[in-house]
Amino acid sequence: MSESKVIDARDTFCPGPLMELITYMKQANVGDTLELLSTDKGTASDVPEWINKVGHEMISSEKIDEVWHIKVRKAK
């Protein structure tokens, strides 16, 4: 059964949000969904770039009230 986890990295700065996502991704099982919350503007480009490089699946990326909500599924 896949799980879903929220990673609250608001008010941290690059590369903090990406590093937190990487840490949790290493602990996650294939098929798990992680949602990263970030107020760092670099997150919107850093995370998709990393996801494409390592081969996970980008589910969604949207900014709501100055907070990026980026959902990623572990693919391998």
PDB file of N, CA and C in Angstrom:
ATOM      1  N   MET A   1       0.845  -1.191   0.000  1.00  0.00           N
ATOM      2  CA  MET A   1       0.000   0.000   0.000  1.00  0.00           C
ATOM      3  C   MET A   1       0.877   1.236   0.000  1.00  0.00           C
ATOM      4  N   SER A   2       0.604   2.172  -0.899  1.00  0.00           N
ATOM      5  CA  SER A   2       1.424   3.383  -0.960  1.00  0.00           C
ATOM      6  C   SER A   2       0.945   4.392   0.082  1.00  0.00           C
ATOM      7  N   GLU A   3       1.872   5.191   0.531  1.00  0.00           N
ATOM      8  CA  GLU A   3       1.576   6.195   1.543  1.00  0.00           C
ATOM      9  C   GLU A   3       1.741   7.587   0.965  1.00  0.00           C
ATOM     10  N   SER A   4       1.206   8.557   1.695  1.00  0.00           N
ATOM     11  CA  SER A   4       1.341   9.956   1.317  1.00  0.00           C
ATOM     12  C   SER A   4       1.887  10.709   2.523  1.00  0.00           C
ATOM     13  N   LYS A   5       2.871  11.565   2.294  1.00  0.00           N
ATOM     14  CA  LYS A   5       3.489  12.296   3.394  1.00  0.00           C
ATOM     15  C   LYS A   5       3.661  13.748   2.984  1.00  0.00           C
ATOM     16  N   VAL A   6       3.449  14.662   3.940  1.00  0.00           N
ATOM     17  CA  VAL A   6       3.668  16.091   3.715  1.00  0.00           C
ATOM     18  C   VAL A   6       4.977  16.487   4.389  1.00  0.00           C
ATOM     19  N   ILE A   7       5.829  17.157   3.634  1.00  0.00           N
ATOM     20  CA  ILE A   7       7.107  17.653   4.145  1.00  0.00           C
ATOM     21  C   ILE A   7       6.999  19.174   4.237  1.00  0.00           C
ATOM     22  N   ASP A   8       6.991  19.686   5.444  1.00  0.00           N
ATOM     23  CA  ASP A   8       6.842  21.132   5.645  1.00  0.00           C
ATOM     24  C   ASP A   8       8.220  21.785   5.709  1.00  0.00           C
ATOM     25  N   ALA A   9       8.625  22.373   4.587  1.00  0.00           N
ATOM     26  CA  ALA A   9       9.924  23.056   4.512  1.00  0.00           C
ATOM     27  C   ALA A   9       9.732  24.560   4.341  1.00  0.00           C
ATOM     28  N   ARG A  10       8.579  25.053   4.796  1.00  0.00           N
ATOM     29  CA  ARG A  10       8.336  26.499   4.710  1.00  0.00           C
ATOM     30  C   ARG A  10       9.357  27.249   5.570  1.00  0.00           C
ATOM     31  N   ASP A  11       9.702  28.436   5.109  1.00  0.00           N
ATOM     32  CA  ASP A  11      10.644  29.329   5.811  1.00  0.00           C
ATOM     33  C   ASP A  11      12.056  28.755   5.884  1.00  0.00           C
ATOM     34  N   THR A  12      12.402  27.804   5.011  1.00  0.00           N
ATOM     35  CA  THR A  12      13.796  27.377   4.858  1.00  0.00           C
ATOM     36  C   THR A  12      14.234  27.819   3.469  1.00  0.00           C
ATOM     37  N   PHE A  13      15.517  27.913   3.282  1.00  0.00           N
ATOM     38  CA  PHE A  13      16.030  28.462   2.031  1.00  0.00           C
ATOM     39  C   PHE A  13      16.877  27.452   1.283  1.00  0.00           C
ATOM     40  N   CYS A  14      16.985  27.664  -0.017  1.00  0.00           N
ATOM     41  CA  CYS A  14      17.747  26.797  -0.904  1.00  0.00           C
ATOM     42  C   CYS A  14      19.125  26.508  -0.323  1.00  0.00           C
ATOM     43  N   PRO A  15      19.538  25.262  -0.291  1.00  0.00           N
ATOM     44  CA  PRO A  15      18.902  24.080  -0.878  1.00  0.00           C
ATOM     45  C   PRO A  15      18.066  23.289   0.122  1.00  0.00           C
ATOM     46  N   GLY A  16      17.692  23.895   1.246  1.00  0.00           N
ATOM     47  CA  GLY A  16      16.971  23.199   2.313  1.00  0.00           C
ATOM     48  C   GLY A  16      15.758  22.401   1.883  1.00  0.00           C
ATOM     49  N   PRO A  17      14.783  23.023   1.161  1.00  0.00           N
ATOM     50  CA  PRO A  17      13.589  22.256   0.774  1.00  0.00           C
ATOM     51  C   PRO A  17      13.918  21.037  -0.083  1.00  0.00           C
ATOM     52  N   LEU A  18      14.821  21.192  -1.045  1.00  0.00           N
ATOM     53  CA  LEU A  18      15.194  20.062  -1.893  1.00  0.00           C
ATOM     54  C   LEU A  18      15.892  18.980  -1.077  1.00  0.00           C
ATOM     55  N   MET A  19      16.765  19.369  -0.169  1.00  0.00           N
ATOM     56  CA  MET A  19      17.480  18.388   0.651  1.00  0.00           C
ATOM     57  C   MET A  19      16.509  17.609   1.545  1.00  0.00           C
ATOM     58  N   GLU A  20      15.499  18.295   2.068  1.00  0.00           N
ATOM     59  CA  GLU A  20      14.484  17.602   2.880  1.00  0.00           C
ATOM     60  C   GLU A  20      13.715  16.593   2.030  1.00  0.00           C
ATOM     61  N   LEU A  21      13.357  17.008   0.816  1.00  0.00           N
ATOM     62  CA  LEU A  21      12.645  16.090  -0.083  1.00  0.00           C
ATOM     63  C   LEU A  21      13.504  14.863  -0.384  1.00  0.00           C
ATOM     64  N   ILE A  22      14.776  15.067  -0.668  1.00  0.00           N
ATOM     65  CA  ILE A  22      15.681  13.953  -0.973  1.00  0.00           C
ATOM     66  C   ILE A  22      15.772  13.002   0.226  1.00  0.00           C
ATOM     67  N   THR A  23      15.889  13.556   1.425  1.00  0.00           N
ATOM     68  CA  THR A  23      15.969  12.726   2.634  1.00  0.00           C
ATOM     69  C   THR A  23      14.739  11.844   2.780  1.00  0.00           C
ATOM     70  N   TYR A  24      13.556  12.435   2.631  1.00  0.00           N
ATOM     71  CA  TYR A  24      12.318  11.661   2.780  1.00  0.00           C
ATOM     72  C   TYR A  24      12.131  10.682   1.621  1.00  0.00           C
ATOM     73  N   MET A  25      12.575  11.079   0.424  1.00  0.00           N
ATOM     74  CA  MET A  25      12.439  10.209  -0.743  1.00  0.00           C
ATOM     75  C   MET A  25      13.256   8.929  -0.549  1.00  0.00           C
ATOM     76  N   LYS A  26      14.423   9.040   0.073  1.00  0.00           N
ATOM     77  CA  LYS A  26      15.263   7.867   0.326  1.00  0.00           C
ATOM     78  C   LYS A  26      14.567   6.892   1.274  1.00  0.00           C
ATOM     79  N   GLN A  27      13.738   7.405   2.178  1.00  0.00           N
ATOM     80  CA  GLN A  27      13.049   6.579   3.161  1.00  0.00           C
ATOM     81  C   GLN A  27      11.720   6.024   2.629  1.00  0.00           C
ATOM     82  N   ALA A  28      11.212   6.628   1.560  1.00  0.00           N
ATOM     83  CA  ALA A  28       9.901   6.247   1.019  1.00  0.00           C
ATOM     84  C   ALA A  28       9.994   4.957   0.207  1.00  0.00           C
ATOM     85  N   ASN A  29       8.856   4.320   0.038  1.00  0.00           N
ATOM     86  CA  ASN A  29       8.749   3.128  -0.803  1.00  0.00           C
ATOM     87  C   ASN A  29       8.299   3.534  -2.201  1.00  0.00           C
ATOM     88  N   VAL A  30       8.615   2.709  -3.196  1.00  0.00           N
ATOM     89  CA  VAL A  30       8.164   2.975  -4.563  1.00  0.00           C
ATOM     90  C   VAL A  30       6.640   3.084  -4.556  1.00  0.00           C
ATOM     91  N   GLY A  31       6.117   4.116  -5.187  1.00  0.00           N
ATOM     92  CA  GLY A  31       4.677   4.364  -5.236  1.00  0.00           C
ATOM     93  C   GLY A  31       4.189   5.371  -4.210  1.00  0.00           C
ATOM     94  N   ASP A  32       5.006   5.656  -3.191  1.00  0.00           N
ATOM     95  CA  ASP A  32       4.622   6.643  -2.179  1.00  0.00           C
ATOM     96  C   ASP A  32       4.589   8.042  -2.792  1.00  0.00           C
ATOM     97  N   THR A  33       3.710   8.882  -2.262  1.00  0.00           N
ATOM     98  CA  THR A  33       3.590  10.264  -2.711  1.00  0.00           C
ATOM     99  C   THR A  33       4.065  11.192  -1.601  1.00  0.00           C
ATOM    100  N   LEU A  34       4.918  12.137  -1.964  1.00  0.00           N
ATOM    101  CA  LEU A  34       5.398  13.142  -1.022  1.00  0.00           C
ATOM    102  C   LEU A  34       4.936  14.507  -1.512  1.00  0.00           C
ATOM    103  N   GLU A  35       4.449  15.327  -0.581  1.00  0.00           N
ATOM    104  CA  GLU A  35       4.069  16.698  -0.918  1.00  0.00           C
ATOM    105  C   GLU A  35       5.006  17.628  -0.161  1.00  0.00           C
ATOM    106  N   LEU A  36       5.748  18.433  -0.905  1.00  0.00           N
ATOM    107  CA  LEU A  36       6.687  19.385  -0.327  1.00  0.00           C
ATOM    108  C   LEU A  36       6.032  20.753  -0.253  1.00  0.00           C
ATOM    109  N   LEU A  37       6.043  21.352   0.938  1.00  0.00           N
ATOM    110  CA  LEU A  37       5.560  22.721   1.119  1.00  0.00           C
ATOM    111  C   LEU A  37       6.780  23.613   1.268  1.00  0.00           C
ATOM    112  N   SER A  38       6.876  24.652   0.440  1.00  0.00           N
ATOM    113  CA  SER A  38       8.056  25.515   0.471  1.00  0.00           C
ATOM    114  C   SER A  38       7.695  26.952   0.141  1.00  0.00           C
ATOM    115  N   THR A  39       8.354  27.881   0.835  1.00  0.00           N
ATOM    116  CA  THR A  39       8.192  29.306   0.530  1.00  0.00           C
ATOM    117  C   THR A  39       9.395  29.836  -0.247  1.00  0.00           C
ATOM    118  N   ASP A  40      10.375  28.979  -0.516  1.00  0.00           N
ATOM    119  CA  ASP A  40      11.568  29.390  -1.266  1.00  0.00           C
ATOM    120  C   ASP A  40      11.260  29.360  -2.759  1.00  0.00           C
ATOM    121  N   LYS A  41      11.445  30.491  -3.441  1.00  0.00           N
ATOM    122  CA  LYS A  41      11.073  30.577  -4.859  1.00  0.00           C
ATOM    123  C   LYS A  41      11.890  29.646  -5.747  1.00  0.00           C
ATOM    124  N   GLY A  42      13.105  29.298  -5.347  1.00  0.00           N
ATOM    125  CA  GLY A  42      13.932  28.401  -6.134  1.00  0.00           C
ATOM    126  C   GLY A  42      13.405  26.983  -6.179  1.00  0.00           C
ATOM    127  N   THR A  43      12.579  26.627  -5.218  1.00  0.00           N
ATOM    128  CA  THR A  43      12.020  25.277  -5.146  1.00  0.00           C
ATOM    129  C   THR A  43      11.240  24.926  -6.412  1.00  0.00           C
ATOM    130  N   ALA A  44      10.545  25.901  -6.975  1.00  0.00           N
ATOM    131  CA  ALA A  44       9.704  25.659  -8.157  1.00  0.00           C
ATOM    132  C   ALA A  44      10.512  25.165  -9.353  1.00  0.00           C
ATOM    133  N   SER A  45      11.781  25.524  -9.435  1.00  0.00           N
ATOM    134  CA  SER A  45      12.614  25.038 -10.539  1.00  0.00           C
ATOM    135  C   SER A  45      13.574  23.936 -10.097  1.00  0.00           C
ATOM    136  N   ASP A  46      14.063  24.004  -8.855  1.00  0.00           N
ATOM    137  CA  ASP A  46      15.026  23.013  -8.360  1.00  0.00           C
ATOM    138  C   ASP A  46      14.428  21.617  -8.272  1.00  0.00           C
ATOM    139  N   VAL A  47      13.236  21.507  -7.730  1.00  0.00           N
ATOM    140  CA  VAL A  47      12.622  20.189  -7.509  1.00  0.00           C
ATOM    141  C   VAL A  47      12.309  19.487  -8.840  1.00  0.00           C
ATOM    142  N   PRO A  48      11.630  20.149  -9.797  1.00  0.00           N
ATOM    143  CA  PRO A  48      11.371  19.457 -11.065  1.00  0.00           C
ATOM    144  C   PRO A  48      12.666  19.034 -11.774  1.00  0.00           C
ATOM    145  N   GLU A  49      13.696  19.857 -11.686  1.00  0.00           N
ATOM    146  CA  GLU A  49      14.981  19.522 -12.308  1.00  0.00           C
ATOM    147  C   GLU A  49      15.565  18.246 -11.681  1.00  0.00           C
ATOM    148  N   TRP A  50      15.520  18.165 -10.352  1.00  0.00           N
ATOM    149  CA  TRP A  50      16.031  16.981  -9.652  1.00  0.00           C
ATOM    150  C   TRP A  50      15.195  15.744  -9.979  1.00  0.00           C
ATOM    151  N   ILE A  51      13.866  15.907  -9.999  1.00  0.00           N
ATOM    152  CA  ILE A  51      12.967  14.786 -10.289  1.00  0.00           C
ATOM    153  C   ILE A  51      13.257  14.208 -11.675  1.00  0.00           C
ATOM    154  N   ASN A  52      13.439  15.081 -12.660  1.00  0.00           N
ATOM    155  CA  ASN A  52      13.748  14.611 -14.018  1.00  0.00           C
ATOM    156  C   ASN A  52      15.098  13.901 -14.060  1.00  0.00           C
ATOM    157  N   LYS A  53      16.052  14.392 -13.296  1.00  0.00           N
ATOM    158  CA  LYS A  53      17.395  13.811 -13.298  1.00  0.00           C
ATOM    159  C   LYS A  53      17.398  12.406 -12.703  1.00  0.00           C
ATOM    160  N   VAL A  54      16.655  12.202 -11.619  1.00  0.00           N
ATOM    161  CA  VAL A  54      16.689  10.916 -10.923  1.00  0.00           C
ATOM    162  C   VAL A  54      15.567   9.958 -11.341  1.00  0.00           C
ATOM    163  N   GLY A  55      14.549  10.455 -12.050  1.00  0.00           N
ATOM    164  CA  GLY A  55      13.540   9.563 -12.605  1.00  0.00           C
ATOM    165  C   GLY A  55      12.290   9.319 -11.784  1.00  0.00           C
ATOM    166  N   HIS A  56      11.932  10.238 -10.887  1.00  0.00           N
ATOM    167  CA  HIS A  56      10.670  10.102 -10.168  1.00  0.00           C
ATOM    168  C   HIS A  56       9.566  10.787 -10.968  1.00  0.00           C
ATOM    169  N   GLU A  57       8.344  10.772 -10.462  1.00  0.00           N
ATOM    170  CA  GLU A  57       7.201  11.312 -11.197  1.00  0.00           C
ATOM    171  C   GLU A  57       6.668  12.582 -10.536  1.00  0.00           C
ATOM    172  N   MET A  58       6.610  13.655 -11.298  1.00  0.00           N
ATOM    173  CA  MET A  58       6.035  14.916 -10.828  1.00  0.00           C
ATOM    174  C   MET A  58       4.523  14.808 -10.979  1.00  0.00           C
ATOM    175  N   ILE A  59       3.797  14.968  -9.869  1.00  0.00           N
ATOM    176  CA  ILE A  59       2.341  14.873  -9.917  1.00  0.00           C
ATOM    177  C   ILE A  59       1.727  16.257 -10.123  1.00  0.00           C
ATOM    178  N   SER A  60       2.171  17.219  -9.309  1.00  0.00           N
ATOM    179  CA  SER A  60       1.642  18.576  -9.445  1.00  0.00           C
ATOM    180  C   SER A  60       2.572  19.578  -8.787  1.00  0.00           C
ATOM    181  N   SER A  61       2.427  20.824  -9.223  1.00  0.00           N
ATOM    182  CA  SER A  61       3.190  21.925  -8.647  1.00  0.00           C
ATOM    183  C   SER A  61       2.328  23.171  -8.748  1.00  0.00           C
ATOM    184  N   GLU A  62       1.962  23.709  -7.595  1.00  0.00           N
ATOM    185  CA  GLU A  62       1.155  24.931  -7.616  1.00  0.00           C
ATOM    186  C   GLU A  62       1.513  25.815  -6.429  1.00  0.00           C
ATOM    187  N   LYS A  63       1.335  27.109  -6.637  1.00  0.00           N
ATOM    188  CA  LYS A  63       1.623  28.087  -5.591  1.00  0.00           C
ATOM    189  C   LYS A  63       0.297  28.586  -5.029  1.00  0.00           C
ATOM    190  N   ILE A  64       0.141  28.406  -3.722  1.00  0.00           N
ATOM    191  CA  ILE A  64      -1.075  28.845  -3.039  1.00  0.00           C
ATOM    192  C   ILE A  64      -0.662  29.756  -1.894  1.00  0.00           C
ATOM    193  N   ASP A  65      -1.069  31.020  -1.968  1.00  0.00           N
ATOM    194  CA  ASP A  65      -0.761  31.982  -0.899  1.00  0.00           C
ATOM    195  C   ASP A  65       0.719  31.981  -0.516  1.00  0.00           C
ATOM    196  N   GLU A  66       1.591  32.153  -1.511  1.00  0.00           N
ATOM    197  CA  GLU A  66       3.046  32.250  -1.295  1.00  0.00           C
ATOM    198  C   GLU A  66       3.712  30.942  -0.873  1.00  0.00           C
ATOM    199  N   VAL A  67       2.986  29.832  -0.913  1.00  0.00           N
ATOM    200  CA  VAL A  67       3.566  28.536  -0.549  1.00  0.00           C
ATOM    201  C   VAL A  67       3.470  27.603  -1.757  1.00  0.00           C
ATOM    202  N   TRP A  68       4.616  27.040  -2.160  1.00  0.00           N
ATOM    203  CA  TRP A  68       4.628  26.041  -3.215  1.00  0.00           C
ATOM    204  C   TRP A  68       4.187  24.697  -2.648  1.00  0.00           C
ATOM    205  N   HIS A  69       3.283  24.041  -3.353  1.00  0.00           N
ATOM    206  CA  HIS A  69       2.812  22.689  -3.011  1.00  0.00           C
ATOM    207  C   HIS A  69       3.252  21.801  -4.176  1.00  0.00           C
ATOM    208  N   ILE A  70       4.283  21.002  -3.953  1.00  0.00           N
ATOM    209  CA  ILE A  70       4.832  20.167  -5.013  1.00  0.00           C
ATOM    210  C   ILE A  70       4.666  18.703  -4.625  1.00  0.00           C
ATOM    211  N   LYS A  71       3.929  17.963  -5.461  1.00  0.00           N
ATOM    212  CA  LYS A  71       3.674  16.542  -5.172  1.00  0.00           C
ATOM    213  C   LYS A  71       4.506  15.682  -6.111  1.00  0.00           C
ATOM    214  N   VAL A  72       5.159  14.700  -5.516  1.00  0.00           N
ATOM    215  CA  VAL A  72       6.067  13.812  -6.232  1.00  0.00           C
ATOM    216  C   VAL A  72       5.765  12.363  -5.855  1.00  0.00           C
ATOM    217  N   ARG A  73       5.797  11.461  -6.847  1.00  0.00           N
ATOM    218  CA  ARG A  73       5.626  10.033  -6.575  1.00  0.00           C
ATOM    219  C   ARG A  73       6.972   9.348  -6.787  1.00  0.00           C
ATOM    220  N   LYS A  74       7.366   8.526  -5.814  1.00  0.00           N
ATOM    221  CA  LYS A  74       8.619   7.788  -5.936  1.00  0.00           C
ATOM    222  C   LYS A  74       8.422   6.694  -6.991  1.00  0.00           C
ATOM    223  N   ALA A  75       9.272   6.733  -8.023  1.00  0.00           N
ATOM    224  CA  ALA A  75       9.102   5.823  -9.154  1.00  0.00           C
ATOM    225  C   ALA A  75      10.075   4.645  -9.139  1.00  0.00           C
ATOM    226  N   LYS A  76      11.144   4.743  -8.356  1.00  0.00           N
ATOM    227  CA  LYS A  76      12.098   3.627  -8.347  1.00  0.00           C
ATOM    228  C   LYS A  76      12.840   3.561  -7.041  1.00  0.00           C
TER     229      LYS A  76
END
